[in-house]
Structure formats: C-alpha cells, structure tokens
Amino acid sequence: MKSRAQMLSELRQMLHDVFVARERGTAHPQMARVHGYVDGYMRALLDCGLATKEELLVMVAEERTTVSGPATLVISSTAA
C-alpha cells in the first residue's frame, strides 16, 4: 500500500502533466481523459480521508503556477 506522501506526490505529477499538456494544446479528447484520471484520483484521496479539499486546491494552484506562471488576479474569499 502506498503512503499518503507517495499518493500526493503522484497527484502532483499528474497535475503537472495536465497543465503541461494544456500549454502544448493537446487535443480535447485526450485532455478530457487525463482530467478524468486526475479528478478520480483526487476524489479517492478525499473519500479515504488522505487529503482535504483545501490541500488539493492549494496543490492545483501551485502546479498551475509552476507551469503557467502566476495568476493575473488574486481574489480573496473574504472579499465576496
């Protein structure tokens, strides 16, 4: 059985691959399949209690920033 750290590391790599594929302009059917894998992996981590929604959101944001650069606008959740 894989450890929590190993599973989160695998998810981080999967996210990185998704954002790189998007930057390269990968075809929609392939992107949809890859997104499905990532979504399922994230759902499994949530369902098993190995990660929280907040942890996953931070990881997604970090990997997107790594590949695509910083967001153009930061929105605070308290501003809404």
PDB file of N, CA and C in Angstrom:
ATOM      1  N   MET A   1       0.840  -1.177   0.000  1.00  0.00           N
ATOM      2  CA  MET A   1       0.000   0.000   0.000  1.00  0.00           C
ATOM      3  C   MET A   1       0.887   1.244   0.000  1.00  0.00           C
ATOM      4  N   LYS A   2       0.512   2.227  -0.787  1.00  0.00           N
ATOM      5  CA  LYS A   2       1.289   3.457  -0.891  1.00  0.00           C
ATOM      6  C   LYS A   2       1.006   4.365   0.297  1.00  0.00           C
ATOM      7  N   SER A   3       2.015   5.130   0.651  1.00  0.00           N
ATOM      8  CA  SER A   3       1.850   6.080   1.740  1.00  0.00           C
ATOM      9  C   SER A   3       1.128   7.321   1.239  1.00  0.00           C
ATOM     10  N   ARG A   4       0.642   8.121   2.170  1.00  0.00           N
ATOM     11  CA  ARG A   4      -0.020   9.381   1.835  1.00  0.00           C
ATOM     12  C   ARG A   4       0.924  10.263   1.028  1.00  0.00           C
ATOM     13  N   ALA A   5       2.160  10.338   1.458  1.00  0.00           N
ATOM     14  CA  ALA A   5       3.145  11.178   0.772  1.00  0.00           C
ATOM     15  C   ALA A   5       3.360  10.720  -0.668  1.00  0.00           C
ATOM     16  N   GLN A   6       3.417   9.414  -0.880  1.00  0.00           N
ATOM     17  CA  GLN A   6       3.590   8.885  -2.230  1.00  0.00           C
ATOM     18  C   GLN A   6       2.392   9.216  -3.110  1.00  0.00           C
ATOM     19  N   MET A   7       1.203   9.078  -2.557  1.00  0.00           N
ATOM     20  CA  MET A   7      -0.007   9.354  -3.324  1.00  0.00           C
ATOM     21  C   MET A   7      -0.108  10.833  -3.684  1.00  0.00           C
ATOM     22  N   LEU A   8       0.238  11.702  -2.746  1.00  0.00           N
ATOM     23  CA  LEU A   8       0.204  13.134  -3.034  1.00  0.00           C
ATOM     24  C   LEU A   8       1.271  13.507  -4.059  1.00  0.00           C
ATOM     25  N   SER A   9       2.399  12.851  -3.995  1.00  0.00           N
ATOM     26  CA  SER A   9       3.454  13.084  -4.977  1.00  0.00           C
ATOM     27  C   SER A   9       3.001  12.655  -6.375  1.00  0.00           C
ATOM     28  N   GLU A  10       2.334  11.521  -6.464  1.00  0.00           N
ATOM     29  CA  GLU A  10       1.803  11.062  -7.747  1.00  0.00           C
ATOM     30  C   GLU A  10       0.771  12.040  -8.286  1.00  0.00           C
ATOM     31  N   LEU A  11      -0.093  12.531  -7.411  1.00  0.00           N
ATOM     32  CA  LEU A  11      -1.102  13.507  -7.834  1.00  0.00           C
ATOM     33  C   LEU A  11      -0.431  14.777  -8.337  1.00  0.00           C
ATOM     34  N   ARG A  12       0.585  15.242  -7.641  1.00  0.00           N
ATOM     35  CA  ARG A  12       1.298  16.451  -8.060  1.00  0.00           C
ATOM     36  C   ARG A  12       1.879  16.254  -9.466  1.00  0.00           C
ATOM     37  N   GLN A  13       2.443  15.078  -9.741  1.00  0.00           N
ATOM     38  CA  GLN A  13       2.997  14.805 -11.065  1.00  0.00           C
ATOM     39  C   GLN A  13       1.901  14.753 -12.118  1.00  0.00           C
ATOM     40  N   MET A  14       0.767  14.145 -11.777  1.00  0.00           N
ATOM     41  CA  MET A  14      -0.361  14.087 -12.710  1.00  0.00           C
ATOM     42  C   MET A  14      -0.864  15.486 -13.034  1.00  0.00           C
ATOM     43  N   LEU A  15      -0.982  16.336 -12.024  1.00  0.00           N
ATOM     44  CA  LEU A  15      -1.422  17.716 -12.239  1.00  0.00           C
ATOM     45  C   LEU A  15      -0.435  18.461 -13.132  1.00  0.00           C
ATOM     46  N   HIS A  16       0.842  18.281 -12.850  1.00  0.00           N
ATOM     47  CA  HIS A  16       1.876  18.920 -13.661  1.00  0.00           C
ATOM     48  C   HIS A  16       1.726  18.503 -15.126  1.00  0.00           C
ATOM     49  N   ASP A  17       1.540  17.221 -15.357  1.00  0.00           N
ATOM     50  CA  ASP A  17       1.386  16.704 -16.718  1.00  0.00           C
ATOM     51  C   ASP A  17       0.150  17.291 -17.409  1.00  0.00           C
ATOM     52  N   VAL A  18      -0.953  17.458 -16.670  1.00  0.00           N
ATOM     53  CA  VAL A  18      -2.173  18.041 -17.233  1.00  0.00           C
ATOM     54  C   VAL A  18      -1.918  19.479 -17.666  1.00  0.00           C
ATOM     55  N   PHE A  19      -1.279  20.260 -16.814  1.00  0.00           N
ATOM     56  CA  PHE A  19      -1.046  21.663 -17.150  1.00  0.00           C
ATOM     57  C   PHE A  19      -0.047  21.812 -18.296  1.00  0.00           C
ATOM     58  N   VAL A  20       0.944  20.946 -18.361  1.00  0.00           N
ATOM     59  CA  VAL A  20       1.890  20.972 -19.479  1.00  0.00           C
ATOM     60  C   VAL A  20       1.158  20.607 -20.774  1.00  0.00           C
ATOM     61  N   ALA A  21       0.310  19.591 -20.738  1.00  0.00           N
ATOM     62  CA  ALA A  21      -0.448  19.185 -21.923  1.00  0.00           C
ATOM     63  C   ALA A  21      -1.353  20.317 -22.396  1.00  0.00           C
ATOM     64  N   ARG A  22      -1.973  21.019 -21.456  1.00  0.00           N
ATOM     65  CA  ARG A  22      -2.835  22.144 -21.822  1.00  0.00           C
ATOM     66  C   ARG A  22      -2.029  23.248 -22.487  1.00  0.00           C
ATOM     67  N   GLU A  23      -0.863  23.543 -21.937  1.00  0.00           N
ATOM     68  CA  GLU A  23       0.007  24.574 -22.515  1.00  0.00           C
ATOM     69  C   GLU A  23       0.440  24.202 -23.929  1.00  0.00           C
ATOM     70  N   ARG A  24       0.595  22.926 -24.195  1.00  0.00           N
ATOM     71  CA  ARG A  24       1.029  22.452 -25.517  1.00  0.00           C
ATOM     72  C   ARG A  24      -0.117  22.368 -26.510  1.00  0.00           C
ATOM     73  N   GLY A  25      -1.353  22.547 -26.033  1.00  0.00           N
ATOM     74  CA  GLY A  25      -2.500  22.498 -26.930  1.00  0.00           C
ATOM     75  C   GLY A  25      -2.957  21.100 -27.276  1.00  0.00           C
ATOM     76  N   THR A  26      -2.862  20.182 -26.324  1.00  0.00           N
ATOM     77  CA  THR A  26      -3.283  18.799 -26.533  1.00  0.00           C
ATOM     78  C   THR A  26      -4.761  18.745 -26.926  1.00  0.00           C
ATOM     79  N   ALA A  27      -5.107  17.807 -27.783  1.00  0.00           N
ATOM     80  CA  ALA A  27      -6.473  17.654 -28.280  1.00  0.00           C
ATOM     81  C   ALA A  27      -7.469  17.429 -27.142  1.00  0.00           C
ATOM     82  N   HIS A  28      -8.688  17.925 -27.350  1.00  0.00           N
ATOM     83  CA  HIS A  28      -9.721  17.851 -26.314  1.00  0.00           C
ATOM     84  C   HIS A  28     -10.012  16.431 -25.819  1.00  0.00           C
ATOM     85  N   PRO A  29     -10.182  15.430 -26.686  1.00  0.00           N
ATOM     86  CA  PRO A  29     -10.476  14.086 -26.163  1.00  0.00           C
ATOM     87  C   PRO A  29      -9.396  13.563 -25.212  1.00  0.00           C
ATOM     88  N   GLN A  30      -8.142  13.800 -25.536  1.00  0.00           N
ATOM     89  CA  GLN A  30      -7.057  13.349 -24.668  1.00  0.00           C
ATOM     90  C   GLN A  30      -7.067  14.139 -23.356  1.00  0.00           C
ATOM     91  N   MET A  31      -7.307  15.445 -23.430  1.00  0.00           N
ATOM     92  CA  MET A  31      -7.359  16.264 -22.214  1.00  0.00           C
ATOM     93  C   MET A  31      -8.508  15.824 -21.317  1.00  0.00           C
ATOM     94  N   ALA A  32      -9.652  15.520 -21.907  1.00  0.00           N
ATOM     95  CA  ALA A  32     -10.803  15.077 -21.119  1.00  0.00           C
ATOM     96  C   ALA A  32     -10.488  13.786 -20.376  1.00  0.00           C
ATOM     97  N   ARG A  33      -9.802  12.873 -21.033  1.00  0.00           N
ATOM     98  CA  ARG A  33      -9.434  11.597 -20.400  1.00  0.00           C
ATOM     99  C   ARG A  33      -8.471  11.833 -19.236  1.00  0.00           C
ATOM    100  N   VAL A  34      -7.475  12.667 -19.455  1.00  0.00           N
ATOM    101  CA  VAL A  34      -6.487  12.944 -18.409  1.00  0.00           C
ATOM    102  C   VAL A  34      -7.145  13.657 -17.228  1.00  0.00           C
ATOM    103  N   HIS A  35      -8.028  14.604 -17.515  1.00  0.00           N
ATOM    104  CA  HIS A  35      -8.754  15.280 -16.437  1.00  0.00           C
ATOM    105  C   HIS A  35      -9.573  14.283 -15.628  1.00  0.00           C
ATOM    106  N   GLY A  36     -10.160  13.309 -16.312  1.00  0.00           N
ATOM    107  CA  GLY A  36     -10.933  12.287 -15.617  1.00  0.00           C
ATOM    108  C   GLY A  36     -10.080  11.477 -14.660  1.00  0.00           C
ATOM    109  N   TYR A  37      -8.869  11.127 -15.078  1.00  0.00           N
ATOM    110  CA  TYR A  37      -7.961  10.392 -14.203  1.00  0.00           C
ATOM    111  C   TYR A  37      -7.617  11.218 -12.960  1.00  0.00           C
ATOM    112  N   VAL A  38      -7.289  12.475 -13.186  1.00  0.00           N
ATOM    113  CA  VAL A  38      -6.908  13.349 -12.074  1.00  0.00           C
ATOM    114  C   VAL A  38      -8.093  13.555 -11.129  1.00  0.00           C
ATOM    115  N   ASP A  39      -9.267  13.811 -11.683  1.00  0.00           N
ATOM    116  CA  ASP A  39     -10.459  14.001 -10.855  1.00  0.00           C
ATOM    117  C   ASP A  39     -10.751  12.761 -10.013  1.00  0.00           C
ATOM    118  N   GLY A  40     -10.642  11.590 -10.620  1.00  0.00           N
ATOM    119  CA  GLY A  40     -10.886  10.352  -9.884  1.00  0.00           C
ATOM    120  C   GLY A  40      -9.874  10.128  -8.776  1.00  0.00           C
ATOM    121  N   TYR A  41      -8.624  10.448  -9.058  1.00  0.00           N
ATOM    122  CA  TYR A  41      -7.569  10.290  -8.050  1.00  0.00           C
ATOM    123  C   TYR A  41      -7.820  11.230  -6.876  1.00  0.00           C
ATOM    124  N   MET A  42      -8.195  12.466  -7.202  1.00  0.00           N
ATOM    125  CA  MET A  42      -8.480  13.432  -6.145  1.00  0.00           C
ATOM    126  C   MET A  42      -9.691  13.002  -5.320  1.00  0.00           C
ATOM    127  N   ARG A  43     -10.721  12.477  -5.971  1.00  0.00           N
ATOM    128  CA  ARG A  43     -11.911  12.005  -5.264  1.00  0.00           C
ATOM    129  C   ARG A  43     -11.556  10.859  -4.325  1.00  0.00           C
ATOM    130  N   ALA A  44     -10.696   9.960  -4.770  1.00  0.00           N
ATOM    131  CA  ALA A  44     -10.280   8.839  -3.923  1.00  0.00           C
ATOM    132  C   ALA A  44      -9.528   9.348  -2.691  1.00  0.00           C
ATOM    133  N   LEU A  45      -8.656  10.328  -2.878  1.00  0.00           N
ATOM    134  CA  LEU A  45      -7.923  10.891  -1.741  1.00  0.00           C
ATOM    135  C   LEU A  45      -8.875  11.541  -0.740  1.00  0.00           C
ATOM    136  N   LEU A  46      -9.870  12.239  -1.255  1.00  0.00           N
ATOM    137  CA  LEU A  46     -10.858  12.866  -0.378  1.00  0.00           C
ATOM    138  C   LEU A  46     -11.698  11.815   0.351  1.00  0.00           C
ATOM    139  N   ASP A  47     -12.184  10.832  -0.391  1.00  0.00           N
ATOM    140  CA  ASP A  47     -13.051   9.804   0.194  1.00  0.00           C
ATOM    141  C   ASP A  47     -12.340   8.977   1.259  1.00  0.00           C
ATOM    142  N   CYS A  48     -11.044   8.750   1.077  1.00  0.00           N
ATOM    143  CA  CYS A  48     -10.271   7.966   2.046  1.00  0.00           C
ATOM    144  C   CYS A  48      -9.771   8.814   3.212  1.00  0.00           C
ATOM    145  N   GLY A  49      -9.988  10.112   3.135  1.00  0.00           N
ATOM    146  CA  GLY A  49      -9.534  10.995   4.205  1.00  0.00           C
ATOM    147  C   GLY A  49      -8.036  11.254   4.176  1.00  0.00           C
ATOM    148  N   LEU A  50      -7.392  11.012   3.042  1.00  0.00           N
ATOM    149  CA  LEU A  50      -5.950  11.217   2.940  1.00  0.00           C
ATOM    150  C   LEU A  50      -5.585  12.652   2.593  1.00  0.00           C
ATOM    151  N   ALA A  51      -6.568  13.430   2.148  1.00  0.00           N
ATOM    152  CA  ALA A  51      -6.325  14.833   1.821  1.00  0.00           C
ATOM    153  C   ALA A  51      -7.620  15.605   2.033  1.00  0.00           C
ATOM    154  N   THR A  52      -7.471  16.881   2.286  1.00  0.00           N
ATOM    155  CA  THR A  52      -8.635  17.750   2.417  1.00  0.00           C
ATOM    156  C   THR A  52      -8.824  18.525   1.121  1.00  0.00           C
ATOM    157  N   LYS A  53     -10.004  19.068   0.957  1.00  0.00           N
ATOM    158  CA  LYS A  53     -10.299  19.872  -0.224  1.00  0.00           C
ATOM    159  C   LYS A  53      -9.324  21.043  -0.324  1.00  0.00           C
ATOM    160  N   GLU A  54      -9.050  21.669   0.799  1.00  0.00           N
ATOM    161  CA  GLU A  54      -8.147  22.814   0.821  1.00  0.00           C
ATOM    162  C   GLU A  54      -6.731  22.434   0.387  1.00  0.00           C
ATOM    163  N   GLU A  55      -6.247  21.276   0.852  1.00  0.00           N
ATOM    164  CA  GLU A  55      -4.918  20.806   0.450  1.00  0.00           C
ATOM    165  C   GLU A  55      -4.846  20.581  -1.057  1.00  0.00           C
ATOM    166  N   LEU A  56      -5.897  20.000  -1.602  1.00  0.00           N
ATOM    167  CA  LEU A  56      -5.908  19.723  -3.031  1.00  0.00           C
ATOM    168  C   LEU A  56      -5.993  21.004  -3.845  1.00  0.00           C
ATOM    169  N   LEU A  57      -6.789  21.960  -3.385  1.00  0.00           N
ATOM    170  CA  LEU A  57      -6.883  23.243  -4.093  1.00  0.00           C
ATOM    171  C   LEU A  57      -5.539  23.961  -4.110  1.00  0.00           C
ATOM    172  N   VAL A  58      -4.824  23.912  -2.995  1.00  0.00           N
ATOM    173  CA  VAL A  58      -3.503  24.534  -2.933  1.00  0.00           C
ATOM    174  C   VAL A  58      -2.549  23.838  -3.901  1.00  0.00           C
ATOM    175  N   MET A  59      -2.595  22.520  -3.935  1.00  0.00           N
ATOM    176  CA  MET A  59      -1.712  21.768  -4.824  1.00  0.00           C
ATOM    177  C   MET A  59      -2.002  22.102  -6.286  1.00  0.00           C
ATOM    178  N   VAL A  60      -3.278  22.172  -6.652  1.00  0.00           N
ATOM    179  CA  VAL A  60      -3.649  22.506  -8.028  1.00  0.00           C
ATOM    180  C   VAL A  60      -3.133  23.897  -8.374  1.00  0.00           C
ATOM    181  N   ALA A  61      -3.331  24.855  -7.482  1.00  0.00           N
ATOM    182  CA  ALA A  61      -2.876  26.228  -7.733  1.00  0.00           C
ATOM    183  C   ALA A  61      -1.354  26.296  -7.870  1.00  0.00           C
ATOM    184  N   GLU A  62      -0.651  25.563  -7.029  1.00  0.00           N
ATOM    185  CA  GLU A  62       0.816  25.564  -7.093  1.00  0.00           C
ATOM    186  C   GLU A  62       1.318  24.998  -8.417  1.00  0.00           C
ATOM    187  N   GLU A  63       0.734  23.901  -8.854  1.00  0.00           N
ATOM    188  CA  GLU A  63       1.180  23.287 -10.106  1.00  0.00           C
ATOM    189  C   GLU A  63       0.805  24.139 -11.309  1.00  0.00           C
ATOM    190  N   ARG A  64      -0.364  24.761 -11.266  1.00  0.00           N
ATOM    191  CA  ARG A  64      -0.745  25.649 -12.360  1.00  0.00           C
ATOM    192  C   ARG A  64       0.226  26.815 -12.450  1.00  0.00           C
ATOM    193  N   THR A  65       0.595  27.363 -11.302  1.00  0.00           N
ATOM    194  CA  THR A  65       1.553  28.474 -11.263  1.00  0.00           C
ATOM    195  C   THR A  65       2.921  28.031 -11.760  1.00  0.00           C
ATOM    196  N   THR A  66       3.336  26.839 -11.395  1.00  0.00           N
ATOM    197  CA  THR A  66       4.629  26.311 -11.840  1.00  0.00           C
ATOM    198  C   THR A  66       4.701  26.240 -13.364  1.00  0.00           C
ATOM    199  N   VAL A  67       3.621  25.799 -13.985  1.00  0.00           N
ATOM    200  CA  VAL A  67       3.617  25.602 -15.429  1.00  0.00           C
ATOM    201  C   VAL A  67       3.248  26.887 -16.184  1.00  0.00           C
ATOM    202  N   SER A  68       2.235  27.595 -15.711  1.00  0.00           N
ATOM    203  CA  SER A  68       1.685  28.725 -16.461  1.00  0.00           C
ATOM    204  C   SER A  68       2.050  30.096 -15.918  1.00  0.00           C
ATOM    205  N   GLY A  69       2.720  30.142 -14.786  1.00  0.00           N
ATOM    206  CA  GLY A  69       3.040  31.420 -14.181  1.00  0.00           C
ATOM    207  C   GLY A  69       1.948  31.861 -13.228  1.00  0.00           C
ATOM    208  N   PRO A  70       2.154  32.996 -12.575  1.00  0.00           N
ATOM    209  CA  PRO A  70       1.200  33.449 -11.568  1.00  0.00           C
ATOM    210  C   PRO A  70      -0.131  33.869 -12.188  1.00  0.00           C
ATOM    211  N   ALA A  71      -1.152  33.801 -11.388  1.00  0.00           N
ATOM    212  CA  ALA A  71      -2.473  34.243 -11.823  1.00  0.00           C
ATOM    213  C   ALA A  71      -2.423  35.748 -12.076  1.00  0.00           C
ATOM    214  N   THR A  72      -3.309  36.227 -12.925  1.00  0.00           N
ATOM    215  CA  THR A  72      -3.309  37.653 -13.217  1.00  0.00           C
ATOM    216  C   THR A  72      -4.091  38.442 -12.170  1.00  0.00           C
ATOM    217  N   LEU A  73      -4.915  37.766 -11.396  1.00  0.00           N
ATOM    218  CA  LEU A  73      -5.705  38.431 -10.376  1.00  0.00           C
ATOM    219  C   LEU A  73      -5.885  37.492  -9.189  1.00  0.00           C
ATOM    220  N   VAL A  74      -5.604  37.982  -8.017  1.00  0.00           N
ATOM    221  CA  VAL A  74      -5.814  37.213  -6.808  1.00  0.00           C
ATOM    222  C   VAL A  74      -7.119  37.664  -6.181  1.00  0.00           C
ATOM    223  N   ILE A  75      -8.015  36.720  -5.930  1.00  0.00           N
ATOM    224  CA  ILE A  75      -9.322  37.032  -5.349  1.00  0.00           C
ATOM    225  C   ILE A  75      -9.362  36.430  -3.962  1.00  0.00           C
ATOM    226  N   SER A  76      -9.629  37.248  -2.981  1.00  0.00           N
ATOM    227  CA  SER A  76      -9.723  36.790  -1.605  1.00  0.00           C
ATOM    228  C   SER A  76     -11.120  36.239  -1.357  1.00  0.00           C
ATOM    229  N   SER A  77     -11.210  35.126  -0.661  1.00  0.00           N
ATOM    230  CA  SER A  77     -12.520  34.546  -0.358  1.00  0.00           C
ATOM    231  C   SER A  77     -13.280  35.415   0.625  1.00  0.00           C
ATOM    232  N   THR A  78     -12.603  36.271   1.366  1.00  0.00           N
ATOM    233  CA  THR A  78     -13.287  37.153   2.313  1.00  0.00           C
ATOM    234  C   THR A  78     -13.853  38.382   1.622  1.00  0.00           C
ATOM    235  N   ALA A  79     -13.433  38.646   0.387  1.00  0.00           N
ATOM    236  CA  ALA A  79     -13.911  39.816  -0.352  1.00  0.00           C
ATOM    237  C   ALA A  79     -15.321  39.594  -0.895  1.00  0.00           C
ATOM    238  N   ALA A  80     -15.725  38.351  -1.007  1.00  0.00           N
ATOM    239  CA  ALA A  80     -17.049  38.049  -1.603  1.00  0.00           C
ATOM    240  C   ALA A  80     -18.141  38.309  -0.671  1.00  0.00           C
TER     241      ALA A  80
END
